[in-house]
Protein backbone atom coordinates (compact mmCIF):
# COMPACT_ATOMS: atom_id res chain seq x y z
CA MET A 1 211.58 31.03 127.37
CA ASP A 2 209.45 28.24 128.34
CA GLN A 3 207.47 28.02 125.21
CA PHE A 4 211.19 28.18 123.36
CA LYS A 5 212.47 25.38 125.23
CA GLN A 6 209.50 23.19 124.79
CA ILE A 7 209.34 23.60 121.19
CA SER A 8 213.13 23.05 120.88
CA THR A 9 213.02 20.17 122.90
CA PHE A 10 209.78 18.83 120.86
CA VAL A 11 212.04 18.77 117.90
CA ASP A 12 214.90 17.59 119.04
CA VAL A 13 212.98 14.41 120.50
CA ILE A 14 211.81 13.36 117.22
CA ALA A 15 215.42 14.13 115.65
CA ARG A 16 216.86 11.99 117.93
CA GLY A 17 214.92 9.53 118.27
CA SER A 18 213.71 9.01 122.06
CA LEU A 19 213.43 11.06 125.11
CA SER A 20 216.36 9.24 126.83
CA ALA A 21 218.72 9.93 123.67
CA ALA A 22 217.49 14.13 124.06
CA ALA A 23 218.05 13.99 127.82
CA ARG A 24 221.64 12.37 126.80
CA ALA A 25 222.74 15.56 124.32
CA GLU A 26 221.41 18.18 126.72
CA GLY A 27 222.74 16.26 129.73
CA VAL A 28 219.42 16.44 131.84
CA ALA A 29 217.16 13.71 133.28
CA PRO A 30 214.65 11.88 130.91
CA ALA A 31 212.01 13.14 133.26
CA MET A 32 212.83 16.28 132.32
CA ILE A 33 212.27 16.10 128.73
CA GLY A 34 208.97 14.25 129.47
CA ARG A 35 207.78 17.01 131.94
CA ARG A 36 208.32 19.62 129.35
CA LEU A 37 206.24 18.06 126.26
CA ASP A 38 203.90 17.36 128.72
CA ALA A 39 203.53 21.23 129.62
CA LEU A 40 203.80 21.52 125.98
CA GLU A 41 200.90 18.96 125.17
CA LEU A 42 198.80 21.10 127.65
CA ARG A 43 199.24 24.36 126.88
CA LEU A 44 198.51 23.81 122.72
CA GLY A 45 195.39 21.21 124.10
CA VAL A 46 196.41 18.40 121.54
CA LYS A 47 198.14 15.41 121.88
CA LEU A 48 201.55 15.76 119.71
CA LEU A 49 203.15 12.49 120.80
CA GLN A 50 202.44 9.08 121.01
CA ARG A 51 205.06 7.51 123.85
CA THR A 52 206.11 4.50 125.27
CA THR A 53 209.10 3.11 126.99
CA ARG A 54 210.74 1.74 123.90
CA LYS A 55 209.50 4.14 120.72
CA ILE A 56 207.57 7.52 120.18
CA ALA A 57 205.40 7.91 117.05
CA LEU A 58 203.92 11.64 115.48
CA THR A 59 199.92 11.67 116.22
CA ASN A 60 198.65 13.72 113.18
CA GLU A 61 198.26 16.76 114.99
CA GLY A 62 202.06 16.43 115.95
CA SER A 63 203.27 16.03 112.32
CA ALA A 64 201.63 19.15 111.11
CA PHE A 65 203.08 21.15 114.18
CA LEU A 66 206.87 19.59 113.67
CA GLU A 67 206.79 21.10 110.09
CA GLN A 68 205.82 24.45 111.48
CA CYS A 69 208.38 23.80 114.75
CA GLN A 70 211.42 23.15 112.10
CA ARG A 71 210.49 26.80 109.97
CA ILE A 72 210.64 28.42 113.03
CA LEU A 73 213.99 27.27 114.39
CA ALA A 74 215.32 27.39 111.07
CA ASP A 75 214.20 31.21 110.72
CA LEU A 76 215.86 31.90 114.00
CA ASP A 77 218.76 30.62 113.19
CA GLU A 78 218.84 32.25 109.82
CA ALA A 79 218.04 35.91 111.41
CA GLU A 80 220.41 35.16 114.38
CA ALA A 81 223.06 34.05 111.24
CA SER A 82 222.13 37.35 109.36
CA VAL A 83 223.38 39.65 112.52
CA SER A 84 226.20 38.17 113.17
CA ALA A 85 227.47 37.59 109.71
CA ARG A 86 229.11 41.42 109.72
CA SER A 87 231.94 39.69 112.43
CA ALA A 88 232.14 35.97 111.01
CA LYS A 89 232.70 34.57 107.70
CA ALA A 90 231.79 31.20 105.95
CA ASN A 91 234.84 28.88 105.70
CA GLY A 92 235.07 25.51 105.38
CA HIS A 93 234.08 22.49 102.60
CA LEU A 94 230.75 22.60 101.59
CA LEU A 95 229.42 19.10 99.67
CA ILE A 96 226.36 19.95 98.00
CA SER A 97 223.78 17.44 95.82
CA ALA A 98 221.41 18.12 93.08
CA PRO A 99 219.71 16.32 90.66
CA ALA A 100 221.73 16.09 87.00
CA GLY A 101 219.40 17.84 85.11
CA PHE A 102 218.58 20.85 87.80
CA GLY A 103 222.24 20.90 88.89
CA ARG A 104 224.30 21.43 85.27
CA GLN A 105 221.21 24.57 84.50
CA HIS A 106 220.75 25.83 88.33
CA VAL A 107 223.40 25.20 90.58
CA ALA A 108 226.64 24.65 88.99
CA PRO A 109 226.62 27.90 86.91
CA LEU A 110 226.17 29.69 90.02
CA LEU A 111 228.76 28.30 92.66
CA PRO A 112 231.64 30.31 90.96
CA SER A 113 229.70 33.72 91.83
CA PHE A 114 228.79 31.58 95.03
CA LEU A 115 232.63 31.29 95.94
CA SER A 116 233.72 34.76 94.91
CA GLU A 117 231.24 35.90 97.67
CA HIS A 118 232.96 33.61 100.28
CA ARG A 119 236.52 33.28 99.58
CA GLU A 120 237.17 30.89 102.60
CA VAL A 121 234.33 28.41 101.58
CA THR A 122 235.47 25.13 99.38
CA LEU A 123 233.10 22.83 97.69
CA THR A 124 232.08 19.56 96.08
CA LEU A 125 228.97 19.29 93.89
CA ASN A 126 227.63 16.06 93.21
CA LEU A 127 224.84 15.39 90.13
CA ASN A 128 222.66 12.35 90.32
CA ASP A 129 219.01 11.72 90.15
CA ARG A 130 218.97 9.46 93.06
CA MET A 131 217.40 10.01 96.52
CA VAL A 132 220.42 11.05 98.53
CA ASP A 133 220.88 9.90 102.17
CA LEU A 134 222.20 13.67 103.41
CA ILE A 135 223.60 12.04 106.88
CA GLY A 136 224.62 8.73 105.62
CA GLU A 137 226.91 10.09 102.84
CA GLY A 138 227.58 13.54 104.75
CA ILE A 139 225.62 15.59 102.58
CA ASP A 140 225.99 19.59 103.68
CA VAL A 141 222.98 20.81 101.33
CA ALA A 142 220.92 18.94 98.76
CA VAL A 143 218.77 20.71 96.39
CA ARG A 144 215.13 18.74 95.85
CA ILE A 145 212.08 18.86 93.96
CA ALA A 146 210.10 17.52 95.91
CA GLU A 147 207.96 17.43 99.25
CA LEU A 148 210.24 16.64 102.39
CA ASN A 149 208.74 13.55 104.05
CA ASP A 150 212.03 12.97 106.70
CA SER A 151 211.26 14.45 109.72
CA ASN A 152 214.92 14.29 110.58
CA LEU A 153 215.69 17.20 107.76
CA VAL A 154 215.10 20.76 107.48
CA SER A 155 213.91 22.10 103.77
CA VAL A 156 213.98 25.42 103.09
CA LYS A 157 211.81 26.33 100.03
CA LEU A 158 213.94 28.09 96.86
CA ALA A 159 211.52 28.92 94.26
CA ASP A 160 208.00 27.41 92.94
CA ASN A 161 208.33 24.94 90.19
CA ARG A 162 205.49 23.12 88.02
CA ARG A 163 205.21 20.76 85.05
CA VAL A 164 203.73 21.36 81.83
CA ILE A 165 203.34 19.40 78.73
CA VAL A 166 205.08 21.12 75.47
CA ALA A 167 205.99 20.67 71.86
CA ALA A 168 207.38 22.73 69.07
CA PRO A 169 204.76 24.74 67.33
CA ALA A 170 206.07 22.68 63.73
CA TYR A 171 204.64 19.63 65.70
CA LEU A 172 201.52 20.85 66.62
CA ARG A 173 200.33 22.29 63.02
CA ARG A 174 201.37 19.05 61.69
CA TYR A 175 199.34 16.78 64.38
CA GLY A 176 197.01 18.90 66.07
CA ILE A 177 196.62 19.99 69.62
CA PRO A 178 194.92 17.59 72.58
CA GLU A 179 192.34 18.85 74.13
CA THR A 180 191.67 16.31 77.14
CA PRO A 181 193.97 14.49 78.81
CA GLN A 182 192.79 11.39 76.65
CA ASP A 183 193.66 12.88 73.80
CA LEU A 184 197.04 11.93 74.00
CA SER A 185 196.71 8.59 73.01
CA ASP A 186 196.89 9.96 69.76
CA HIS A 187 200.21 11.92 69.88
CA ASN A 188 203.97 11.08 70.14
CA CYS A 189 204.60 11.12 73.94
CA LEU A 190 208.29 11.79 74.81
CA ALA A 191 208.67 9.84 77.81
CA ILE A 192 211.35 9.57 80.41
CA SER A 193 212.57 6.40 82.46
CA GLY A 194 214.22 5.90 85.50
CA GLU A 195 214.82 2.74 87.63
CA ASN A 196 213.88 0.25 84.88
CA SER A 197 210.30 1.60 84.40
CA GLN A 198 208.52 4.24 82.57
CA ARG A 199 207.81 7.19 84.79
CA GLY A 200 203.91 8.31 83.91
CA TRP A 201 202.71 12.16 84.05
CA THR A 202 200.33 13.35 86.47
CA LEU A 203 197.29 15.76 85.49
CA ARG A 204 194.31 17.24 87.39
CA GLN A 205 191.14 16.36 85.92
CA ASN A 206 187.71 16.43 87.56
CA GLY A 207 189.20 17.20 90.58
CA ARG A 208 191.38 13.90 91.33
CA ASN A 209 195.11 13.42 90.06
CA LEU A 210 195.42 11.51 87.01
CA VAL A 211 198.67 8.86 86.10
CA ILE A 212 199.13 8.89 82.41
CA LYS A 213 201.39 6.28 80.84
CA PRO A 214 202.49 8.01 77.92
CA GLY A 215 203.04 6.15 74.35
CA GLY A 216 205.31 7.04 71.79
CA ASN A 217 208.30 5.91 69.99
CA MET A 218 211.26 7.77 72.52
CA VAL A 219 212.12 7.15 75.62
CA CYS A 220 215.19 8.33 77.60
CA ASN A 221 216.68 8.71 81.35
CA ASP A 222 217.94 12.18 80.14
CA GLY A 223 215.54 15.08 80.58
CA GLU A 224 217.84 17.45 78.45
CA VAL A 225 217.44 14.48 75.61
CA LEU A 226 213.80 14.49 75.93
CA HIS A 227 214.00 18.46 75.71
CA ASP A 228 216.35 18.62 72.71
CA TRP A 229 213.82 15.91 71.12
CA ALA A 230 210.74 18.13 71.56
CA LEU A 231 212.73 21.39 70.33
CA ASN A 232 213.03 19.49 67.26
CA GLY A 233 209.21 18.52 66.68
CA LYS A 234 209.57 14.89 67.83
CA GLY A 235 206.58 14.93 70.14
CA LEU A 236 205.19 16.01 73.45
CA ALA A 237 206.99 16.44 76.53
CA TRP A 238 206.11 16.75 79.91
CA ARG A 239 208.83 19.08 81.43
CA SER A 240 209.61 21.44 84.39
CA MET A 241 209.35 25.07 83.93
CA TRP A 242 212.47 25.32 85.20
CA GLU A 243 213.85 23.56 81.94
CA VAL A 244 211.88 24.91 79.44
CA GLY A 245 210.44 28.35 80.86
CA SER A 246 213.01 30.23 78.36
CA ALA A 247 211.97 28.00 75.49
CA ILE A 248 208.23 28.77 76.39
CA GLU A 249 209.19 32.62 76.16
CA ALA A 250 210.86 32.11 73.13
CA GLY A 251 208.12 30.16 71.01
CA SER A 252 210.27 26.87 70.21
CA LEU A 253 207.93 25.58 72.50
CA VAL A 254 203.93 25.68 73.07
CA THR A 255 202.23 24.58 76.31
CA VAL A 256 199.28 22.30 75.84
CA LEU A 257 196.71 21.06 78.62
CA ASP A 258 197.48 23.71 80.69
CA ARG A 259 194.10 23.70 82.54
CA TYR A 260 194.78 20.06 83.22
CA ALA A 261 198.18 20.47 84.90
CA ALA A 262 198.42 19.17 88.24
CA PRO A 263 200.14 21.14 91.40
CA GLY A 264 203.82 21.24 91.03
CA ASN A 265 206.44 20.45 93.47
CA ALA A 266 208.49 23.55 94.86
CA ILE A 267 212.63 23.35 94.80
CA TYR A 268 213.60 23.10 98.18
CA ALA A 269 217.42 23.28 99.93
CA VAL A 270 217.44 20.42 102.56
CA PHE A 271 219.96 20.02 105.53
CA ALA A 272 220.40 17.67 108.14
CA GLN A 273 218.82 19.30 111.75
CA ARG A 274 221.78 20.94 113.42
CA ARG A 275 221.22 23.58 116.01
CA HIS A 276 224.18 26.17 115.52
CA LEU A 277 224.55 25.42 111.39
CA PRO A 278 227.45 26.16 109.74
CA LEU A 279 227.51 29.67 108.40
CA ARG A 280 228.30 28.30 104.90
CA ILE A 281 225.57 26.15 104.98
CA ARG A 282 223.34 29.21 105.90
CA ALA A 283 225.33 31.23 103.22
CA LEU A 284 224.73 29.33 100.47
CA VAL A 285 220.69 28.67 101.03
CA ASP A 286 220.54 32.05 101.08
CA PHE A 287 222.36 32.75 97.68
CA LEU A 288 220.48 30.03 95.85
CA ARG A 289 217.06 31.56 97.21
CA ARG A 290 217.85 35.23 96.27
CA THR A 291 219.42 34.32 93.10
CA TYR A 292 216.03 32.04 92.12
CA ALA A 293 213.82 34.98 93.64
CA HIS A 294 215.08 37.77 90.88
CA PRO A 295 212.30 38.43 88.44
CA ASP A 296 214.51 37.51 85.32
CA TYR A 297 216.23 34.86 86.43
CA TRP A 298 214.18 31.87 85.00
CA ARG A 299 213.49 33.91 81.55
CA THR A 300 217.52 34.33 80.92
CA ARG A 301 218.46 30.61 81.57
CA ARG A 302 219.12 28.18 78.51
CA ALA A 303 218.11 29.76 76.05
CA PRO A 304 217.10 27.78 73.14
């Protein structure tokens, strides 16, 4: 019990930004919070926090431990929710955010089925490609295709994802297959733009990440347009497997430079740290994770 209290206190202090704020929320003296943290650090034999009277900062060991603690507490909440779900129903309104392209293909089509399972839940889905402020904008759940950097948020992995360079077979027959990243300079690369700049393609060469600014005559800020251009043989495109997997399976797109692929960014559900997380949030996260885990799901989406 003491170990659990120390861990939950550690996570709460980081979430609230100070020992005094965590103490006020729990209704105890700040000294009590400090003693729990001291006991935790003594038990682990490492320094987790640099503390002054005005601020706290995580050490490297503290950052790694925080991520594990958040996962443990989230798993515990999920376990409790699964046990109590028999006597409780999800209800209330959900505000969901997702990237535009991914949301259109892999979130919006699933929500009617989710609502049919949870008839007392209503929802709003906002699709956009900017990094939303969950707390400031009142977002309940955000789907993100990136690693979590904000310690005030909790992430649950929904599915793996990786990026590949693809082209239509007709394009490759006409212009040849690139063998190295440097060969891309001889090809028409279909680039995506964002925030007034063209985004680079990240590949892996000689043990290091290599960011290439592709050259080509067609740039767009919408990934679905790039996908269609690639299908029509207009050039090479660097796309996520969630978008092009079915086209690759069908043979209408072919991957190239696979041995240079960089590690992928997984797909996460992200939400604000909360004890006693509403059942409607848990239900949605579990529904998405269960759906994406089905072996046939990614092969049946967006057939060309």
